[in-house]
PDB file of N, CA and C in Angstrom:
ATOM      1  N   UNK A   1      99.428   1.609 110.196  1.00  0.00           N
ATOM      2  CA  UNK A   1     100.356   2.597 109.723  1.00  0.00           C
ATOM      3  C   UNK A   1      99.850   3.625 110.133  1.00  0.00           C
ATOM      4  N   UNK A   2     100.442   4.656 110.427  1.00  0.00           N
ATOM      5  CA  UNK A   2     100.479   6.051 110.655  1.00  0.00           C
ATOM      6  C   UNK A   2     100.878   6.862 109.817  1.00  0.00           C
ATOM      7  N   UNK A   3     100.368   7.903 109.080  1.00  0.00           N
ATOM      8  CA  UNK A   3     100.972   8.644 108.164  1.00  0.00           C
ATOM      9  C   UNK A   3     100.700  10.092 108.578  1.00  0.00           C
ATOM     10  N   UNK A   4      99.474  10.770 109.449  1.00  0.00           N
ATOM     11  CA  UNK A   4      99.862  11.923 109.440  1.00  0.00           C
ATOM     12  C   UNK A   4      99.623  11.927 111.311  1.00  0.00           C
ATOM     13  N   UNK A   5      99.810  13.308 112.013  1.00  0.00           N
ATOM     14  CA  UNK A   5      99.595  13.307 113.207  1.00  0.00           C
ATOM     15  C   UNK A   5      99.219  14.791 113.642  1.00  0.00           C
ATOM     16  N   UNK A   6      98.998  15.157 114.860  1.00  0.00           N
ATOM     17  CA  UNK A   6      98.891  16.430 115.741  1.00  0.00           C
ATOM     18  C   UNK A   6      99.762  16.500 116.763  1.00  0.00           C
ATOM     19  N   UNK A   7     100.237  17.684 117.130  1.00  0.00           N
ATOM     20  CA  UNK A   7     100.957  17.926 118.202  1.00  0.00           C
ATOM     21  C   UNK A   7     100.320  19.329 118.847  1.00  0.00           C
ATOM     22  N   UNK A   8      99.747  19.218 119.886  1.00  0.00           N
ATOM     23  CA  UNK A   8      99.041  20.264 120.643  1.00  0.00           C
ATOM     24  C   UNK A   8      99.839  20.637 121.575  1.00  0.00           C
ATOM     25  N   UNK A   9     100.118  22.142 121.948  1.00  0.00           N
ATOM     26  CA  UNK A   9     101.204  22.152 122.991  1.00  0.00           C
ATOM     27  C   UNK A   9      99.779  23.302 124.074  1.00  0.00           C
ATOM     28  N   UNK A  10      99.866  22.927 125.350  1.00  0.00           N
ATOM     29  CA  UNK A  10      98.682  23.610 126.120  1.00  0.00           C
ATOM     30  C   UNK A  10      99.843  24.502 127.291  1.00  0.00           C
ATOM     31  N   UNK A  11      99.423  25.544 127.252  1.00  0.00           N
ATOM     32  CA  UNK A  11     100.123  26.315 128.424  1.00  0.00           C
ATOM     33  C   UNK A  11      98.924  26.686 129.707  1.00  0.00           C
ATOM     34  N   UNK A  12      98.890  26.060 130.797  1.00  0.00           N
ATOM     35  CA  UNK A  12      98.119  25.964 131.574  1.00  0.00           C
ATOM     36  C   UNK A  12      98.128  27.498 132.453  1.00  0.00           C
ATOM     37  N   UNK A  13      96.770  28.039 133.158  1.00  0.00           N
ATOM     38  CA  UNK A  13      97.117  29.401 133.764  1.00  0.00           C
ATOM     39  C   UNK A  13      97.520  28.647 134.879  1.00  0.00           C
ATOM     40  N   UNK A  14      98.093  30.030 135.888  1.00  0.00           N
ATOM     41  CA  UNK A  14      98.413  29.771 137.086  1.00  0.00           C
ATOM     42  C   UNK A  14      97.367  29.039 137.777  1.00  0.00           C
ATOM     43  N   UNK A  15      97.931  28.121 138.660  1.00  0.00           N
ATOM     44  CA  UNK A  15      96.980  27.340 139.496  1.00  0.00           C
ATOM     45  C   UNK A  15      96.125  26.445 138.899  1.00  0.00           C
ATOM     46  N   UNK A  16      96.073  26.349 137.566  1.00  0.00           N
ATOM     47  CA  UNK A  16      95.280  25.344 136.586  1.00  0.00           C
ATOM     48  C   UNK A  16      96.024  24.284 136.530  1.00  0.00           C
ATOM     49  N   UNK A  17      97.167  23.681 136.475  1.00  0.00           N
ATOM     50  CA  UNK A  17      97.986  22.592 136.319  1.00  0.00           C
ATOM     51  C   UNK A  17      97.677  21.399 136.639  1.00  0.00           C
ATOM     52  N   UNK A  18      96.832  21.333 137.695  1.00  0.00           N
ATOM     53  CA  UNK A  18      96.298  19.541 137.995  1.00  0.00           C
ATOM     54  C   UNK A  18      94.860  19.662 137.158  1.00  0.00           C
ATOM     55  N   UNK A  19      94.286  20.824 136.866  1.00  0.00           N
ATOM     56  CA  UNK A  19      93.204  20.730 136.437  1.00  0.00           C
ATOM     57  C   UNK A  19      93.357  20.311 134.561  1.00  0.00           C
ATOM     58  N   UNK A  20      94.020  20.997 134.248  1.00  0.00           N
ATOM     59  CA  UNK A  20      94.915  20.445 132.648  1.00  0.00           C
ATOM     60  C   UNK A  20      95.246  18.982 132.665  1.00  0.00           C
ATOM     61  N   UNK A  21      96.218  18.697 133.902  1.00  0.00           N
ATOM     62  CA  UNK A  21      96.321  17.188 134.007  1.00  0.00           C
ATOM     63  C   UNK A  21      95.398  16.216 134.038  1.00  0.00           C
ATOM     64  N   UNK A  22      94.367  16.443 134.866  1.00  0.00           N
ATOM     65  CA  UNK A  22      93.167  15.807 135.212  1.00  0.00           C
ATOM     66  C   UNK A  22      92.235  15.954 133.710  1.00  0.00           C
ATOM     67  N   UNK A  23      92.358  16.792 132.544  1.00  0.00           N
ATOM     68  CA  UNK A  23      91.772  17.057 131.507  1.00  0.00           C
ATOM     69  C   UNK A  23      92.202  16.067 130.862  1.00  0.00           C
ATOM     70  N   UNK A  24      93.699  16.289 130.703  1.00  0.00           N
ATOM     71  CA  UNK A  24      94.225  15.284 129.531  1.00  0.00           C
ATOM     72  C   UNK A  24      93.793  13.680 129.930  1.00  0.00           C
ATOM     73  N   UNK A  25      93.914  13.341 131.518  1.00  0.00           N
ATOM     74  CA  UNK A  25      93.664  11.658 131.796  1.00  0.00           C
ATOM     75  C   UNK A  25      92.314  11.586 131.354  1.00  0.00           C
ATOM     76  N   UNK A  26      91.287  12.289 131.435  1.00  0.00           N
ATOM     77  CA  UNK A  26      89.789  12.020 130.945  1.00  0.00           C
ATOM     78  C   UNK A  26      89.620  12.088 129.453  1.00  0.00           C
ATOM     79  N   UNK A  27      90.754  12.551 129.047  1.00  0.00           N
ATOM     80  CA  UNK A  27      90.416  12.691 127.508  1.00  0.00           C
ATOM     81  C   UNK A  27      90.529  11.243 126.483  1.00  0.00           C
ATOM     82  N   UNK A  28      91.590  10.271 127.505  1.00  0.00           N
ATOM     83  CA  UNK A  28      91.758   9.386 126.640  1.00  0.00           C
ATOM     84  C   UNK A  28      90.494   8.401 126.897  1.00  0.00           C
ATOM     85  N   UNK A  29      89.469   8.396 127.528  1.00  0.00           N
ATOM     86  CA  UNK A  29      88.082   7.938 127.355  1.00  0.00           C
ATOM     87  C   UNK A  29      87.383   7.999 126.178  1.00  0.00           C
ATOM     88  N   UNK A  30      87.460   9.356 126.103  1.00  0.00           N
ATOM     89  CA  UNK A  30      86.908   9.969 124.554  1.00  0.00           C
ATOM     90  C   UNK A  30      87.310   9.212 123.221  1.00  0.00           C
ATOM     91  N   UNK A  31      89.039   9.546 123.327  1.00  0.00           N
ATOM     92  CA  UNK A  31      89.580   9.172 122.312  1.00  0.00           C
ATOM     93  C   UNK A  31      89.400   7.279 121.878  1.00  0.00           C
ATOM     94  N   UNK A  32      89.326   6.479 123.103  1.00  0.00           N
ATOM     95  CA  UNK A  32      88.971   5.253 122.849  1.00  0.00           C
ATOM     96  C   UNK A  32      87.817   4.944 121.784  1.00  0.00           C
ATOM     97  N   UNK A  33      86.942   5.867 121.754  1.00  0.00           N
ATOM     98  CA  UNK A  33      85.602   5.746 120.896  1.00  0.00           C
ATOM     99  C   UNK A  33      85.837   6.221 119.224  1.00  0.00           C
ATOM    100  N   UNK A  34      87.187   6.949 119.431  1.00  0.00           N
ATOM    101  CA  UNK A  34      87.780   7.027 117.796  1.00  0.00           C
ATOM    102  C   UNK A  34      88.549   6.079 116.948  1.00  0.00           C
ATOM    103  N   UNK A  35      87.693   5.332 116.466  1.00  0.00           N
ATOM    104  CA  UNK A  35      88.535   4.206 115.768  1.00  0.00           C
ATOM    105  C   UNK A  35      90.047   4.625 114.967  1.00  0.00           C
ATOM    106  N   UNK A  36      89.830   5.782 114.244  1.00  0.00           N
ATOM    107  CA  UNK A  36      90.974   6.451 113.373  1.00  0.00           C
ATOM    108  C   UNK A  36      92.013   6.882 113.984  1.00  0.00           C
ATOM    109  N   UNK A  37      91.981   7.157 114.741  1.00  0.00           N
ATOM    110  CA  UNK A  37      92.769   7.299 116.324  1.00  0.00           C
ATOM    111  C   UNK A  37      93.581   6.421 116.652  1.00  0.00           C
ATOM    112  N   UNK A  38      95.006   5.986 115.729  1.00  0.00           N
ATOM    113  CA  UNK A  38      95.686   4.951 116.112  1.00  0.00           C
ATOM    114  C   UNK A  38      96.614   5.347 117.415  1.00  0.00           C
ATOM    115  N   UNK A  39      96.983   6.259 117.874  1.00  0.00           N
ATOM    116  CA  UNK A  39      97.741   6.415 118.819  1.00  0.00           C
ATOM    117  C   UNK A  39      97.408   7.642 119.367  1.00  0.00           C
ATOM    118  N   UNK A  40      97.368   8.118 120.978  1.00  0.00           N
ATOM    119  CA  UNK A  40      96.783   9.271 121.645  1.00  0.00           C
ATOM    120  C   UNK A  40      97.998   9.434 122.830  1.00  0.00           C
ATOM    121  N   UNK A  41      98.308  10.559 122.836  1.00  0.00           N
ATOM    122  CA  UNK A  41      99.252  10.911 124.105  1.00  0.00           C
ATOM    123  C   UNK A  41      98.944  12.063 124.769  1.00  0.00           C
ATOM    124  N   UNK A  42      98.394  12.297 126.024  1.00  0.00           N
ATOM    125  CA  UNK A  42      98.746  13.327 127.042  1.00  0.00           C
ATOM    126  C   UNK A  42      99.917  13.283 127.376  1.00  0.00           C
ATOM    127  N   UNK A  43     100.421  14.424 127.264  1.00  0.00           N
ATOM    128  CA  UNK A  43     101.863  14.640 128.032  1.00  0.00           C
ATOM    129  C   UNK A  43     102.284  15.820 129.080  1.00  0.00           C
ATOM    130  N   UNK A  44     103.298  15.789 129.673  1.00  0.00           N
ATOM    131  CA  UNK A  44     103.447  17.057 130.645  1.00  0.00           C
ATOM    132  C   UNK A  44     105.183  17.613 129.710  1.00  0.00           C
ATOM    133  N   UNK A  45     105.420  18.593 129.641  1.00  0.00           N
ATOM    134  CA  UNK A  45     106.659  19.020 129.043  1.00  0.00           C
ATOM    135  C   UNK A  45     107.096  20.164 130.090  1.00  0.00           C
ATOM    136  N   UNK A  46     106.377  20.390 130.962  1.00  0.00           N
ATOM    137  CA  UNK A  46     107.144  21.154 132.096  1.00  0.00           C
ATOM    138  C   UNK A  46     106.191  21.346 133.455  1.00  0.00           C
ATOM    139  N   UNK A  47     106.228  22.059 134.478  1.00  0.00           N
ATOM    140  CA  UNK A  47     105.485  22.176 135.294  1.00  0.00           C
ATOM    141  C   UNK A  47     104.272  22.909 135.004  1.00  0.00           C
ATOM    142  N   UNK A  48     104.067  24.074 133.921  1.00  0.00           N
ATOM    143  CA  UNK A  48     102.587  24.056 133.354  1.00  0.00           C
ATOM    144  C   UNK A  48     102.741  24.157 132.188  1.00  0.00           C
ATOM    145  N   UNK A  49     103.260  23.534 131.367  1.00  0.00           N
ATOM    146  CA  UNK A  49     103.188  22.914 129.671  1.00  0.00           C
ATOM    147  C   UNK A  49     102.756  21.493 129.481  1.00  0.00           C
ATOM    148  N   UNK A  50     101.784  21.425 128.881  1.00  0.00           N
ATOM    149  CA  UNK A  50     101.707  20.147 128.478  1.00  0.00           C
ATOM    150  C   UNK A  50     100.988  20.057 127.344  1.00  0.00           C
ATOM    151  N   UNK A  51     100.922  18.648 126.216  1.00  0.00           N
ATOM    152  CA  UNK A  51     100.429  18.706 124.822  1.00  0.00           C
ATOM    153  C   UNK A  51      99.852  17.334 124.906  1.00  0.00           C
ATOM    154  N   UNK A  52      99.389  17.360 123.771  1.00  0.00           N
ATOM    155  CA  UNK A  52      98.948  15.783 123.019  1.00  0.00           C
ATOM    156  C   UNK A  52      99.707  15.757 121.889  1.00  0.00           C
ATOM    157  N   UNK A  53      99.782  14.529 121.667  1.00  0.00           N
ATOM    158  CA  UNK A  53     100.499  13.996 120.479  1.00  0.00           C
ATOM    159  C   UNK A  53      99.517  12.561 119.924  1.00  0.00           C
ATOM    160  N   UNK A  54      98.606  12.832 118.851  1.00  0.00           N
ATOM    161  CA  UNK A  54      97.813  12.144 118.670  1.00  0.00           C
ATOM    162  C   UNK A  54      98.364  11.617 116.652  1.00  0.00           C
ATOM    163  N   UNK A  55      98.158  10.237 116.437  1.00  0.00           N
ATOM    164  CA  UNK A  55      98.205   9.720 115.348  1.00  0.00           C
ATOM    165  C   UNK A  55      97.327   9.338 114.547  1.00  0.00           C
ATOM    166  N   UNK A  56      97.483   9.484 113.137  1.00  0.00           N
ATOM    167  CA  UNK A  56      96.225   8.949 112.260  1.00  0.00           C
ATOM    168  C   UNK A  56      96.521   8.449 111.151  1.00  0.00           C
ATOM    169  N   UNK A  57      95.958   7.073 110.580  1.00  0.00           N
ATOM    170  CA  UNK A  57      96.424   6.759 109.179  1.00  0.00           C
ATOM    171  C   UNK A  57      96.203   7.590 107.752  1.00  0.00           C
ATOM    172  N   UNK A  58      95.503   8.613 108.255  1.00  0.00           N
ATOM    173  CA  UNK A  58      95.352   9.484 106.656  1.00  0.00           C
ATOM    174  C   UNK A  58      94.426  10.659 107.436  1.00  0.00           C
ATOM    175  N   UNK A  59      94.342  11.748 106.358  1.00  0.00           N
ATOM    176  CA  UNK A  59      93.805  12.694 106.930  1.00  0.00           C
ATOM    177  C   UNK A  59      92.259  12.800 107.131  1.00  0.00           C
ATOM    178  N   UNK A  60      92.035  12.363 106.841  1.00  0.00           N
ATOM    179  CA  UNK A  60      90.240  11.359 106.996  1.00  0.00           C
ATOM    180  C   UNK A  60      90.058  11.580 108.440  1.00  0.00           C
ATOM    181  N   UNK A  61      90.936  10.916 109.254  1.00  0.00           N
ATOM    182  CA  UNK A  61      91.221  10.156 110.429  1.00  0.00           C
ATOM    183  C   UNK A  61      91.690  11.241 111.379  1.00  0.00           C
ATOM    184  N   UNK A  62      92.303  12.165 110.597  1.00  0.00           N
ATOM    185  CA  UNK A  62      92.739  13.511 111.509  1.00  0.00           C
ATOM    186  C   UNK A  62      91.945  14.458 111.386  1.00  0.00           C
ATOM    187  N   UNK A  63      91.323  14.417 110.673  1.00  0.00           N
ATOM    188  CA  UNK A  63      90.016  15.480 110.414  1.00  0.00           C
ATOM    189  C   UNK A  63      88.966  15.296 111.403  1.00  0.00           C
ATOM    190  N   UNK A  64      88.411  13.919 111.175  1.00  0.00           N
ATOM    191  CA  UNK A  64      87.403  13.269 112.211  1.00  0.00           C
ATOM    192  C   UNK A  64      87.745  13.738 113.747  1.00  0.00           C
ATOM    193  N   UNK A  65      89.220  13.717 114.326  1.00  0.00           N
ATOM    194  CA  UNK A  65      89.457  13.629 115.400  1.00  0.00           C
ATOM    195  C   UNK A  65      89.059  15.365 115.875  1.00  0.00           C
ATOM    196  N   UNK A  66      89.893  16.146 115.288  1.00  0.00           N
ATOM    197  CA  UNK A  66      89.669  17.457 115.209  1.00  0.00           C
ATOM    198  C   UNK A  66      88.252  17.996 115.426  1.00  0.00           C
ATOM    199  N   UNK A  67      87.065  17.444 114.783  1.00  0.00           N
ATOM    200  CA  UNK A  67      85.993  17.242 114.840  1.00  0.00           C
ATOM    201  C   UNK A  67      85.215  16.623 115.557  1.00  0.00           C
ATOM    202  N   UNK A  68      85.687  15.846 116.774  1.00  0.00           N
ATOM    203  CA  UNK A  68      85.254  14.723 117.847  1.00  0.00           C
ATOM    204  C   UNK A  68      85.271  15.681 119.173  1.00  0.00           C
ATOM    205  N   UNK A  69      84.891  14.855 120.227  1.00  0.00           N
ATOM    206  CA  UNK A  69      84.870  15.202 121.522  1.00  0.00           C
ATOM    207  C   UNK A  69      85.948  15.860 122.016  1.00  0.00           C
ATOM    208  N   UNK A  70      87.065  15.006 122.125  1.00  0.00           N
ATOM    209  CA  UNK A  70      88.210  15.856 122.678  1.00  0.00           C
ATOM    210  C   UNK A  70      88.352  17.106 122.214  1.00  0.00           C
ATOM    211  N   UNK A  71      88.548  17.333 120.924  1.00  0.00           N
ATOM    212  CA  UNK A  71      88.526  18.726 120.754  1.00  0.00           C
ATOM    213  C   UNK A  71      87.726  19.881 121.426  1.00  0.00           C
ATOM    214  N   UNK A  72      86.413  19.479 120.641  1.00  0.00           N
ATOM    215  CA  UNK A  72      85.569  20.249 121.400  1.00  0.00           C
ATOM    216  C   UNK A  72      85.605  20.564 122.996  1.00  0.00           C
ATOM    217  N   UNK A  73      85.961  19.401 123.779  1.00  0.00           N
ATOM    218  CA  UNK A  73      86.030  19.687 125.097  1.00  0.00           C
ATOM    219  C   UNK A  73      87.354  20.496 125.511  1.00  0.00           C
ATOM    220  N   UNK A  74      88.456  20.770 124.662  1.00  0.00           N
ATOM    221  CA  UNK A  74      89.581  21.404 125.078  1.00  0.00           C
ATOM    222  C   UNK A  74      89.070  22.647 124.662  1.00  0.00           C
ATOM    223  N   UNK A  75      88.187  22.927 123.528  1.00  0.00           N
ATOM    224  CA  UNK A  75      88.216  24.423 123.142  1.00  0.00           C
ATOM    225  C   UNK A  75      86.847  25.114 123.894  1.00  0.00           C
ATOM    226  N   UNK A  76      85.999  24.001 124.734  1.00  0.00           N
ATOM    227  CA  UNK A  76      85.258  24.237 125.826  1.00  0.00           C
ATOM    228  C   UNK A  76      85.913  25.126 127.020  1.00  0.00           C
ATOM    229  N   UNK A  77      86.832  24.450 127.057  1.00  0.00           N
ATOM    230  CA  UNK A  77      87.456  24.543 128.484  1.00  0.00           C
ATOM    231  C   UNK A  77      89.027  25.423 128.652  1.00  0.00           C
ATOM    232  N   UNK A  78      88.919  25.824 127.255  1.00  0.00           N
ATOM    233  CA  UNK A  78      90.426  26.588 127.104  1.00  0.00           C
ATOM    234  C   UNK A  78      90.454  27.949 127.853  1.00  0.00           C
ATOM    235  N   UNK A  79      89.569  28.635 127.690  1.00  0.00           N
ATOM    236  CA  UNK A  79      89.646  29.920 128.386  1.00  0.00           C
ATOM    237  C   UNK A  79      89.795  29.650 129.949  1.00  0.00           C
ATOM    238  N   UNK A  80      89.179  28.844 130.390  1.00  0.00           N
ATOM    239  CA  UNK A  80      89.371  28.376 131.917  1.00  0.00           C
ATOM    240  C   UNK A  80      90.704  27.890 132.341  1.00  0.00           C
ATOM    241  N   UNK A  81      91.167  27.101 131.483  1.00  0.00           N
ATOM    242  CA  UNK A  81      92.566  26.351 131.768  1.00  0.00           C
ATOM    243  C   UNK A  81      93.612  26.927 131.604  1.00  0.00           C
ATOM    244  N   UNK A  82      93.435  27.641 130.227  1.00  0.00           N
ATOM    245  CA  UNK A  82      94.873  27.988 129.504  1.00  0.00           C
ATOM    246  C   UNK A  82      95.056  29.478 129.411  1.00  0.00           C
ATOM    247  N   UNK A  83      96.555  29.716 129.223  1.00  0.00           N
ATOM    248  CA  UNK A  83      96.941  30.970 129.244  1.00  0.00           C
ATOM    249  C   UNK A  83      96.884  31.287 128.050  1.00  0.00           C
ATOM    250  N   UNK A  84      96.731  30.849 127.374  1.00  0.00           N
ATOM    251  CA  UNK A  84      96.990  31.112 125.798  1.00  0.00           C
ATOM    252  C   UNK A  84      96.475  30.195 124.684  1.00  0.00           C
ATOM    253  N   UNK A  85      95.412  30.561 124.024  1.00  0.00           N
ATOM    254  CA  UNK A  85      94.672  29.370 123.079  1.00  0.00           C
ATOM    255  C   UNK A  85      95.641  27.860 122.924  1.00  0.00           C
ATOM    256  N   UNK A  86      95.295  27.056 122.580  1.00  0.00           N
ATOM    257  CA  UNK A  86      95.998  25.726 122.052  1.00  0.00           C
ATOM    258  C   UNK A  86      96.649  25.857 120.741  1.00  0.00           C
ATOM    259  N   UNK A  87      97.999  25.490 120.983  1.00  0.00           N
ATOM    260  CA  UNK A  87      98.939  25.624 119.754  1.00  0.00           C
ATOM    261  C   UNK A  87      99.071  24.304 118.924  1.00  0.00           C
ATOM    262  N   UNK A  88      97.884  24.168 117.666  1.00  0.00           N
ATOM    263  CA  UNK A  88      97.482  23.068 117.275  1.00  0.00           C
ATOM    264  C   UNK A  88      98.260  22.859 115.819  1.00  0.00           C
ATOM    265  N   UNK A  89      99.483  21.826 115.623  1.00  0.00           N
ATOM    266  CA  UNK A  89     100.177  21.808 114.286  1.00  0.00           C
ATOM    267  C   UNK A  89      99.963  20.279 114.210  1.00  0.00           C
ATOM    268  N   UNK A  90      99.698  20.470 112.538  1.00  0.00           N
ATOM    269  CA  UNK A  90      99.590  19.533 111.828  1.00  0.00           C
ATOM    270  C   UNK A  90     100.664  18.788 111.344  1.00  0.00           C
ATOM    271  N   UNK A  91     101.388  17.447 111.745  1.00  0.00           N
ATOM    272  CA  UNK A  91     102.791  17.340 111.224  1.00  0.00           C
ATOM    273  C   UNK A  91     102.173  15.712 110.596  1.00  0.00           C
ATOM    274  N   UNK A  92     103.618  15.532 110.034  1.00  0.00           N
ATOM    275  CA  UNK A  92     103.396  14.178 108.706  1.00  0.00           C
ATOM    276  C   UNK A  92     104.293  13.234 109.765  1.00  0.00           C
ATOM    277  N   UNK A  93     103.736  11.952 109.977  1.00  0.00           N
ATOM    278  CA  UNK A  93     104.701  10.538 110.660  1.00  0.00           C
ATOM    279  C   UNK A  93     105.510  10.693 109.523  1.00  0.00           C
ATOM    280  N   UNK A  94     106.545  10.433 109.578  1.00  0.00           N
ATOM    281  CA  UNK A  94     108.229   9.865 108.693  1.00  0.00           C
ATOM    282  C   UNK A  94     108.519   8.527 109.212  1.00  0.00           C
ATOM    283  N   UNK A  95     108.493   8.020 110.513  1.00  0.00           N
ATOM    284  CA  UNK A  95     108.557   6.817 111.138  1.00  0.00           C
ATOM    285  C   UNK A  95     107.774   6.377 111.831  1.00  0.00           C
ATOM    286  N   UNK A  96     107.078   5.526 112.548  1.00  0.00           N
ATOM    287  CA  UNK A  96     106.414   5.033 113.661  1.00  0.00           C
ATOM    288  C   UNK A  96     106.885   3.773 114.045  1.00  0.00           C
ATOM    289  N   UNK A  97     106.634   3.143 115.208  1.00  0.00           N
ATOM    290  CA  UNK A  97     106.700   1.827 115.837  1.00  0.00           C
ATOM    291  C   UNK A  97     105.410   1.600 116.863  1.00  0.00           C
ATOM    292  N   UNK A  98     104.461   1.070 116.182  1.00  0.00           N
ATOM    293  CA  UNK A  98     103.184   0.743 116.970  1.00  0.00           C
ATOM    294  C   UNK A  98     103.330  -0.892 117.378  1.00  0.00           C
ATOM    295  N   UNK A  99     102.297  -0.824 118.631  1.00  0.00           N
ATOM    296  CA  UNK A  99     102.066  -2.630 118.962  1.00  0.00           C
ATOM    297  C   UNK A  99     101.612  -3.042 117.497  1.00  0.00           C
ATOM    298  N   UNK A 100     101.777  -4.415 117.607  1.00  0.00           N
ATOM    299  CA  UNK A 100     101.166  -4.947 116.496  1.00  0.00           C
ATOM    300  C   UNK A 100     100.392  -6.146 116.598  1.00  0.00           C
TER     301      UNK A 100
END
């Protein structure tokens, strides 16, 4: 069961769209190491707009992810890749269907 999530919106700098896509593809391996990250998605919302949606069973799992390797890598590369700081929204999960 997941109860909390994060929605992160990323706007790539002009010419950095492929680099942001590559970053998201590479992030999957890092979140595989996070036992409390129940679901993680790197998504494209438009030509230069990307996002991350991830879900957790509880607040402790969400906080562990925010302190983890993907978050650290994102913040370390944000200035080079993104036209604005990541927009990180904490959200509550009202309903979910997960593989069982």
